[in-house]
């Protein structure tokens, strides 16, 4: 089966928000470092353990926020934020700029997938993902087909 979606433009805010949520999910272990640094209070009681750790945590998230916001401004990533359509089969995802220009992505390049309340998110790397809102699918069956592919490829839990 071939699923052809409607054209969709990924908004900058959606990209930044989704990217930050992916980083928080992928780098959960940072919270363990924060807890370990705050435990320094028991060695030498001082509020500076919490203040310093808080500043470091804010700088860490600010770093990632700047990374994702910067991608939206760079010329080489401009294509990500244009109106794209997708052709999805069980072999690949074809990202199409128009009828003659497109880029295939094999399913083995997708590291993880998330079925959200309003969209599918297919993670390629920390800063690269495909965001497919449900509204771009023509029928409910096309959404179910994509979800079935994701389950077969073991990208989401059954």
N, C-alpha and C. Protein backbone atom coordinates (compact mmCIF):
# COMPACT_ATOMS: atom_id res chain seq x y z
N UNK A 1 0.84 -1.18 0.00
CA UNK A 1 0.00 0.00 0.00
C UNK A 1 0.89 1.25 0.00
N UNK A 2 0.45 2.26 -0.70
CA UNK A 2 1.16 3.53 -0.78
C UNK A 2 0.29 4.61 -0.14
N UNK A 3 0.87 5.32 0.82
CA UNK A 3 0.17 6.41 1.48
C UNK A 3 0.74 7.73 0.95
N UNK A 4 -0.10 8.52 0.34
CA UNK A 4 0.30 9.85 -0.14
C UNK A 4 -0.37 10.88 0.75
N UNK A 5 0.45 11.71 1.38
CA UNK A 5 -0.09 12.70 2.30
C UNK A 5 -0.32 14.04 1.59
N UNK A 6 -1.05 14.90 2.28
CA UNK A 6 -1.22 16.27 1.81
C UNK A 6 0.08 17.00 2.08
N UNK A 7 0.27 18.15 1.44
CA UNK A 7 1.47 18.96 1.69
C UNK A 7 1.37 19.56 3.09
N UNK A 8 2.52 19.63 3.75
CA UNK A 8 2.56 20.15 5.12
C UNK A 8 3.84 20.94 5.32
N UNK A 9 3.71 22.10 5.97
CA UNK A 9 4.87 22.94 6.30
C UNK A 9 5.11 22.84 7.81
N UNK A 10 6.29 22.38 8.18
CA UNK A 10 6.67 22.28 9.59
C UNK A 10 6.98 23.68 10.11
N UNK A 11 6.25 24.09 11.12
CA UNK A 11 6.46 25.42 11.71
C UNK A 11 7.70 25.40 12.60
N UNK A 12 8.37 26.55 12.68
CA UNK A 12 9.59 26.66 13.49
C UNK A 12 9.34 26.30 14.95
N UNK A 13 8.26 26.81 15.51
CA UNK A 13 7.94 26.55 16.91
C UNK A 13 7.71 25.07 17.19
N UNK A 14 7.04 24.40 16.26
CA UNK A 14 6.79 22.96 16.41
C UNK A 14 8.10 22.19 16.37
N UNK A 15 8.99 22.59 15.46
CA UNK A 15 10.29 21.92 15.35
C UNK A 15 11.09 22.09 16.65
N UNK A 16 11.14 23.31 17.17
CA UNK A 16 11.91 23.58 18.39
C UNK A 16 11.32 22.81 19.58
N UNK A 17 10.00 22.88 19.74
CA UNK A 17 9.35 22.20 20.86
C UNK A 17 9.55 20.68 20.79
N UNK A 18 9.32 20.10 19.61
CA UNK A 18 9.47 18.66 19.45
C UNK A 18 10.92 18.24 19.64
N UNK A 19 11.85 19.03 19.11
CA UNK A 19 13.27 18.73 19.28
C UNK A 19 13.69 18.74 20.74
N UNK A 20 13.24 19.75 21.49
CA UNK A 20 13.58 19.81 22.92
C UNK A 20 12.98 18.63 23.69
N UNK A 21 11.74 18.27 23.36
CA UNK A 21 11.14 17.11 24.03
C UNK A 21 11.89 15.83 23.72
N UNK A 22 12.37 15.68 22.47
CA UNK A 22 13.16 14.50 22.12
C UNK A 22 14.48 14.47 22.89
N UNK A 23 15.12 15.63 23.05
CA UNK A 23 16.38 15.69 23.80
C UNK A 23 16.16 15.33 25.27
N UNK A 24 15.10 15.87 25.85
CA UNK A 24 14.81 15.56 27.25
C UNK A 24 14.56 14.06 27.43
N UNK A 25 13.83 13.48 26.48
CA UNK A 25 13.55 12.04 26.55
C UNK A 25 14.81 11.21 26.33
N UNK A 26 15.63 11.61 25.37
CA UNK A 26 16.82 10.84 25.02
C UNK A 26 17.94 11.00 26.05
N UNK A 27 18.04 12.17 26.63
CA UNK A 27 19.12 12.43 27.59
C UNK A 27 18.58 12.57 29.01
N UNK A 28 17.78 11.63 29.41
CA UNK A 28 17.19 11.60 30.74
C UNK A 28 18.25 11.51 31.83
N UNK A 29 19.39 10.94 31.50
CA UNK A 29 20.47 10.72 32.47
C UNK A 29 21.04 12.04 32.99
N UNK A 30 20.79 13.14 32.33
CA UNK A 30 21.27 14.44 32.82
C UNK A 30 20.64 14.74 34.18
N UNK A 31 19.41 14.27 34.40
CA UNK A 31 18.77 14.49 35.69
C UNK A 31 19.53 13.78 36.81
N UNK A 32 20.17 12.65 36.50
CA UNK A 32 20.97 11.96 37.51
C UNK A 32 22.20 12.79 37.90
N UNK A 33 22.78 13.47 36.93
CA UNK A 33 23.93 14.36 37.23
C UNK A 33 23.48 15.51 38.11
N UNK A 34 22.30 16.06 37.81
CA UNK A 34 21.76 17.17 38.61
C UNK A 34 21.56 16.71 40.06
N UNK A 35 20.98 15.54 40.23
CA UNK A 35 20.75 15.01 41.59
C UNK A 35 22.08 14.77 42.30
N UNK A 36 23.06 14.21 41.57
CA UNK A 36 24.37 13.94 42.18
C UNK A 36 25.05 15.24 42.61
N UNK A 37 24.96 16.27 41.80
CA UNK A 37 25.56 17.56 42.17
C UNK A 37 24.84 18.19 43.36
N UNK A 38 23.53 18.05 43.41
CA UNK A 38 22.78 18.59 44.56
C UNK A 38 23.10 17.83 45.84
N UNK A 39 23.51 16.58 45.71
CA UNK A 39 23.89 15.80 46.90
C UNK A 39 25.19 16.31 47.52
N UNK A 40 25.91 17.15 46.80
CA UNK A 40 27.09 17.79 47.37
C UNK A 40 26.75 18.61 48.61
N UNK A 41 25.49 18.97 48.76
CA UNK A 41 25.03 19.71 49.94
C UNK A 41 25.31 18.94 51.22
N UNK A 42 25.26 17.62 51.15
CA UNK A 42 25.49 16.80 52.35
C UNK A 42 26.96 16.76 52.73
N UNK A 43 27.87 17.04 51.78
CA UNK A 43 29.30 17.10 52.07
C UNK A 43 29.70 18.44 52.69
N UNK A 44 29.20 19.49 52.08
CA UNK A 44 29.48 20.85 52.56
C UNK A 44 28.19 21.65 52.40
N UNK A 45 27.40 21.73 53.46
CA UNK A 45 26.10 22.40 53.35
C UNK A 45 26.22 23.86 52.89
N UNK A 46 25.62 24.11 51.75
CA UNK A 46 25.60 25.45 51.17
C UNK A 46 24.53 25.48 50.09
N UNK A 47 23.85 26.60 49.99
CA UNK A 47 22.81 26.76 48.97
C UNK A 47 23.43 26.84 47.58
N UNK A 48 24.74 27.07 47.51
CA UNK A 48 25.40 27.21 46.21
C UNK A 48 25.39 25.92 45.39
N UNK A 49 25.27 24.77 46.05
CA UNK A 49 25.14 23.51 45.31
C UNK A 49 23.90 23.55 44.42
N UNK A 50 22.81 24.05 45.00
CA UNK A 50 21.55 24.10 44.25
C UNK A 50 21.56 25.23 43.23
N UNK A 51 22.11 26.37 43.60
CA UNK A 51 22.18 27.51 42.68
C UNK A 51 23.07 27.18 41.48
N UNK A 52 24.25 26.63 41.74
CA UNK A 52 25.18 26.28 40.67
C UNK A 52 24.61 25.21 39.75
N UNK A 53 23.97 24.19 40.34
CA UNK A 53 23.36 23.14 39.54
C UNK A 53 22.20 23.69 38.72
N UNK A 54 21.43 24.58 39.30
CA UNK A 54 20.32 25.22 38.57
C UNK A 54 20.82 26.03 37.39
N UNK A 55 21.89 26.79 37.61
CA UNK A 55 22.48 27.58 36.52
C UNK A 55 23.00 26.65 35.41
N UNK A 56 23.68 25.57 35.81
CA UNK A 56 24.20 24.63 34.81
C UNK A 56 23.06 23.99 34.02
N UNK A 57 21.98 23.65 34.69
CA UNK A 57 20.83 23.05 34.01
C UNK A 57 20.18 24.02 33.03
N UNK A 58 20.04 25.26 33.44
CA UNK A 58 19.48 26.29 32.55
C UNK A 58 20.38 26.49 31.34
N UNK A 59 21.70 26.53 31.56
CA UNK A 59 22.63 26.68 30.44
C UNK A 59 22.58 25.48 29.50
N UNK A 60 22.41 24.29 30.04
CA UNK A 60 22.30 23.08 29.23
C UNK A 60 21.08 23.16 28.31
N UNK A 61 19.91 23.52 28.86
CA UNK A 61 18.70 23.64 28.04
C UNK A 61 18.79 24.81 27.08
N UNK A 62 19.44 25.88 27.50
CA UNK A 62 19.64 27.03 26.61
C UNK A 62 20.51 26.65 25.42
N UNK A 63 21.53 25.82 25.65
CA UNK A 63 22.37 25.33 24.57
C UNK A 63 21.54 24.61 23.52
N UNK A 64 20.67 23.68 23.96
CA UNK A 64 19.85 22.93 23.02
C UNK A 64 18.80 23.82 22.37
N UNK A 65 18.25 24.75 23.10
CA UNK A 65 17.29 25.68 22.51
C UNK A 65 17.94 26.49 21.39
N UNK A 66 19.16 26.96 21.61
CA UNK A 66 19.89 27.71 20.58
C UNK A 66 20.18 26.81 19.37
N UNK A 67 20.52 25.55 19.62
CA UNK A 67 20.78 24.62 18.51
C UNK A 67 19.55 24.47 17.62
N UNK A 68 18.40 24.22 18.24
CA UNK A 68 17.19 24.01 17.46
C UNK A 68 16.70 25.31 16.81
N UNK A 69 16.80 26.41 17.52
CA UNK A 69 16.40 27.69 16.93
C UNK A 69 17.34 28.07 15.80
N UNK A 70 18.62 27.74 15.91
CA UNK A 70 19.59 28.04 14.86
C UNK A 70 19.33 27.27 13.59
N UNK A 71 18.88 26.03 13.72
CA UNK A 71 18.57 25.22 12.53
C UNK A 71 17.48 25.88 11.70
N UNK A 72 16.53 26.51 12.36
CA UNK A 72 15.44 27.14 11.62
C UNK A 72 15.91 28.34 10.81
N UNK A 73 17.09 28.89 11.14
CA UNK A 73 17.60 30.06 10.45
C UNK A 73 18.63 29.75 9.37
N UNK A 74 19.20 28.55 9.39
CA UNK A 74 20.27 28.22 8.46
C UNK A 74 19.74 27.90 7.06
N UNK A 75 20.48 28.34 6.07
CA UNK A 75 20.08 28.16 4.67
C UNK A 75 20.03 26.68 4.27
N UNK A 76 20.99 25.88 4.74
CA UNK A 76 21.04 24.48 4.31
C UNK A 76 19.88 23.65 4.89
N UNK A 77 19.20 24.14 5.91
CA UNK A 77 18.06 23.43 6.48
C UNK A 77 16.73 24.05 6.07
N UNK A 78 16.79 24.99 5.16
CA UNK A 78 15.58 25.69 4.71
C UNK A 78 14.54 24.73 4.15
N UNK A 79 15.01 23.66 3.49
CA UNK A 79 14.09 22.69 2.89
C UNK A 79 13.17 22.03 3.93
N UNK A 80 13.68 21.85 5.15
CA UNK A 80 12.87 21.21 6.20
C UNK A 80 11.61 22.00 6.52
N UNK A 81 11.64 23.31 6.26
CA UNK A 81 10.54 24.18 6.66
C UNK A 81 9.73 24.67 5.47
N UNK A 82 9.81 23.96 4.35
CA UNK A 82 8.98 24.25 3.19
C UNK A 82 7.83 23.25 3.17
N UNK A 83 6.85 23.53 2.32
CA UNK A 83 5.72 22.60 2.19
C UNK A 83 6.20 21.32 1.53
N UNK A 84 6.06 20.22 2.24
CA UNK A 84 6.49 18.91 1.76
C UNK A 84 5.32 17.95 1.79
N UNK A 85 5.35 16.99 0.88
CA UNK A 85 4.40 15.88 0.95
C UNK A 85 5.22 14.60 1.15
N UNK A 86 4.54 13.57 1.58
CA UNK A 86 5.23 12.31 1.89
C UNK A 86 4.53 11.16 1.19
N UNK A 87 5.33 10.23 0.70
CA UNK A 87 4.81 8.97 0.17
C UNK A 87 5.40 7.87 1.04
N UNK A 88 4.55 7.16 1.73
CA UNK A 88 5.00 6.17 2.71
C UNK A 88 4.63 4.77 2.22
N UNK A 89 5.63 3.90 2.17
CA UNK A 89 5.42 2.49 1.87
C UNK A 89 6.10 1.67 2.96
N UNK A 90 5.99 0.37 2.88
CA UNK A 90 6.64 -0.47 3.89
C UNK A 90 8.16 -0.53 3.68
N UNK A 91 8.67 -0.04 2.54
CA UNK A 91 10.11 -0.03 2.29
C UNK A 91 10.78 1.29 2.69
N UNK A 92 10.07 2.42 2.49
CA UNK A 92 10.71 3.73 2.70
C UNK A 92 9.67 4.82 2.86
N UNK A 93 10.20 5.99 3.23
CA UNK A 93 9.42 7.22 3.25
C UNK A 93 10.06 8.12 2.20
N UNK A 94 9.25 8.61 1.27
CA UNK A 94 9.75 9.51 0.24
C UNK A 94 9.25 10.91 0.59
N UNK A 95 10.20 11.79 0.89
CA UNK A 95 9.87 13.18 1.20
C UNK A 95 9.94 13.95 -0.10
N UNK A 96 8.81 14.54 -0.50
CA UNK A 96 8.73 15.19 -1.80
C UNK A 96 8.56 16.70 -1.67
N UNK A 97 9.46 17.43 -2.32
CA UNK A 97 9.36 18.88 -2.39
C UNK A 97 8.36 19.26 -3.49
N UNK A 98 8.43 18.55 -4.59
CA UNK A 98 7.46 18.69 -5.69
C UNK A 98 7.43 17.35 -6.41
N UNK A 99 6.81 17.30 -7.59
CA UNK A 99 6.66 16.02 -8.28
C UNK A 99 7.98 15.46 -8.80
N UNK A 100 8.98 16.33 -8.99
CA UNK A 100 10.27 15.88 -9.54
C UNK A 100 11.39 15.79 -8.51
N UNK A 101 11.25 16.46 -7.39
CA UNK A 101 12.31 16.48 -6.38
C UNK A 101 11.83 15.78 -5.11
N UNK A 102 12.64 14.82 -4.65
CA UNK A 102 12.30 14.10 -3.44
C UNK A 102 13.51 13.42 -2.85
N UNK A 103 13.36 12.96 -1.61
CA UNK A 103 14.47 12.29 -0.93
C UNK A 103 13.91 11.07 -0.20
N UNK A 104 14.42 9.88 -0.53
CA UNK A 104 13.95 8.69 0.18
C UNK A 104 14.67 8.50 1.51
N UNK A 105 13.94 8.01 2.47
CA UNK A 105 14.51 7.64 3.76
C UNK A 105 14.07 6.20 4.03
N UNK A 106 15.04 5.32 4.16
CA UNK A 106 14.75 3.91 4.46
C UNK A 106 14.33 3.79 5.92
N UNK A 107 13.54 2.78 6.21
CA UNK A 107 13.06 2.59 7.57
C UNK A 107 14.18 2.28 8.56
N UNK A 108 15.29 1.72 8.08
CA UNK A 108 16.38 1.42 9.02
C UNK A 108 17.12 2.69 9.47
N UNK A 109 16.85 3.83 8.85
CA UNK A 109 17.43 5.09 9.29
C UNK A 109 16.65 5.70 10.46
N UNK A 110 15.42 5.24 10.65
CA UNK A 110 14.58 5.74 11.73
C UNK A 110 14.96 5.00 13.01
N UNK A 111 15.36 5.77 14.04
CA UNK A 111 15.80 5.15 15.29
C UNK A 111 14.65 4.86 16.24
N UNK A 112 13.66 5.74 16.25
CA UNK A 112 12.52 5.58 17.15
C UNK A 112 11.33 6.31 16.57
N UNK A 113 10.17 5.98 17.10
CA UNK A 113 8.94 6.65 16.67
C UNK A 113 8.06 6.88 17.89
N UNK A 114 7.27 7.93 17.81
CA UNK A 114 6.34 8.24 18.89
C UNK A 114 4.98 8.54 18.27
N UNK A 115 3.97 7.88 18.79
CA UNK A 115 2.60 8.16 18.37
C UNK A 115 2.04 9.11 19.41
N UNK A 116 1.88 10.36 19.03
CA UNK A 116 1.39 11.37 19.95
C UNK A 116 -0.10 11.59 19.83
N UNK A 117 -0.58 12.59 20.53
CA UNK A 117 -1.99 12.93 20.52
C UNK A 117 -2.42 13.49 19.17
N UNK A 118 -1.50 14.24 18.51
CA UNK A 118 -1.84 14.91 17.26
C UNK A 118 -0.95 14.54 16.08
N UNK A 119 0.11 13.75 16.33
CA UNK A 119 1.07 13.51 15.24
C UNK A 119 1.95 12.29 15.52
N UNK A 120 2.55 11.81 14.44
CA UNK A 120 3.62 10.82 14.53
C UNK A 120 4.93 11.58 14.51
N UNK A 121 5.89 11.18 15.33
CA UNK A 121 7.23 11.75 15.29
C UNK A 121 8.20 10.61 15.05
N UNK A 122 8.92 10.69 13.94
CA UNK A 122 9.89 9.67 13.56
C UNK A 122 11.28 10.25 13.77
N UNK A 123 12.03 9.72 14.72
CA UNK A 123 13.33 10.27 15.11
C UNK A 123 14.43 9.62 14.27
N UNK A 124 15.21 10.48 13.60
CA UNK A 124 16.34 10.02 12.81
C UNK A 124 17.63 10.19 13.61
N UNK A 125 17.79 11.33 14.26
CA UNK A 125 18.93 11.59 15.15
C UNK A 125 18.47 12.60 16.20
N UNK A 126 19.39 13.08 17.02
CA UNK A 126 19.00 14.02 18.08
C UNK A 126 18.28 15.25 17.53
N UNK A 127 18.76 15.78 16.45
CA UNK A 127 18.20 17.03 15.91
C UNK A 127 17.40 16.83 14.64
N UNK A 128 17.30 15.60 14.15
CA UNK A 128 16.55 15.35 12.92
C UNK A 128 15.40 14.40 13.19
N UNK A 129 14.24 14.82 12.76
CA UNK A 129 13.06 13.98 12.90
C UNK A 129 12.05 14.36 11.84
N UNK A 130 11.12 13.46 11.62
CA UNK A 130 10.02 13.71 10.70
C UNK A 130 8.76 13.83 11.55
N UNK A 131 8.09 14.95 11.39
CA UNK A 131 6.88 15.24 12.16
C UNK A 131 5.69 15.12 11.20
N UNK A 132 4.83 14.15 11.46
CA UNK A 132 3.68 13.89 10.57
C UNK A 132 2.38 14.08 11.35
N UNK A 133 1.80 15.28 11.28
CA UNK A 133 0.52 15.48 11.98
C UNK A 133 -0.59 14.65 11.34
N UNK A 134 -1.56 14.26 12.12
CA UNK A 134 -2.63 13.41 11.63
C UNK A 134 -3.44 14.09 10.52
N UNK A 135 -3.49 15.41 10.53
CA UNK A 135 -4.32 16.13 9.56
C UNK A 135 -3.82 15.99 8.11
N UNK A 136 -2.57 15.57 7.91
CA UNK A 136 -2.06 15.45 6.54
C UNK A 136 -2.45 14.12 5.89
N UNK A 137 -2.98 13.19 6.66
CA UNK A 137 -3.41 11.92 6.11
C UNK A 137 -4.83 12.07 5.56
N UNK A 138 -5.08 11.43 4.44
CA UNK A 138 -6.38 11.55 3.78
C UNK A 138 -7.47 10.75 4.46
N UNK A 139 -7.11 9.58 5.01
CA UNK A 139 -8.12 8.74 5.67
C UNK A 139 -7.54 8.18 6.98
N UNK A 140 -8.44 7.69 7.78
CA UNK A 140 -8.05 7.04 9.03
C UNK A 140 -7.25 5.76 8.75
N UNK A 141 -7.57 5.08 7.65
CA UNK A 141 -6.87 3.85 7.29
C UNK A 141 -5.40 4.10 6.99
N UNK A 142 -5.08 5.25 6.40
CA UNK A 142 -3.68 5.58 6.12
C UNK A 142 -2.89 5.75 7.42
N UNK A 143 -3.51 6.38 8.40
CA UNK A 143 -2.86 6.52 9.71
C UNK A 143 -2.63 5.16 10.35
N UNK A 144 -3.62 4.30 10.27
CA UNK A 144 -3.50 2.96 10.85
C UNK A 144 -2.42 2.15 10.12
N UNK A 145 -2.32 2.33 8.79
CA UNK A 145 -1.29 1.65 8.02
C UNK A 145 0.09 2.06 8.49
N UNK A 146 0.30 3.38 8.68
CA UNK A 146 1.60 3.85 9.17
C UNK A 146 1.88 3.30 10.56
N UNK A 147 0.88 3.29 11.40
CA UNK A 147 1.06 2.75 12.76
C UNK A 147 1.41 1.27 12.72
N UNK A 148 0.82 0.53 11.79
CA UNK A 148 1.12 -0.89 11.62
C UNK A 148 2.57 -1.08 11.17
N UNK A 149 3.02 -0.25 10.23
CA UNK A 149 4.42 -0.32 9.79
C UNK A 149 5.36 -0.06 10.96
N UNK A 150 5.06 0.96 11.76
CA UNK A 150 5.90 1.30 12.91
C UNK A 150 5.96 0.14 13.91
N UNK A 151 4.86 -0.54 14.09
CA UNK A 151 4.85 -1.69 15.01
C UNK A 151 5.65 -2.85 14.43
N UNK A 152 5.51 -3.11 13.13
CA UNK A 152 6.25 -4.20 12.50
C UNK A 152 7.75 -3.95 12.52
N UNK A 153 8.13 -2.71 12.34
CA UNK A 153 9.56 -2.35 12.36
C UNK A 153 10.08 -2.21 13.79
N UNK A 154 9.20 -2.45 14.76
CA UNK A 154 9.52 -2.37 16.19
C UNK A 154 10.04 -0.99 16.59
N UNK A 155 9.46 0.04 16.00
CA UNK A 155 9.82 1.42 16.36
C UNK A 155 8.93 1.95 17.47
N UNK A 156 7.76 1.33 17.65
CA UNK A 156 6.90 1.63 18.78
C UNK A 156 6.47 0.32 19.43
N UNK A 157 6.07 0.40 20.67
CA UNK A 157 5.64 -0.79 21.39
C UNK A 157 4.25 -1.19 20.94
N UNK A 158 3.97 -2.47 20.95
CA UNK A 158 2.66 -2.98 20.52
C UNK A 158 1.62 -2.80 21.59
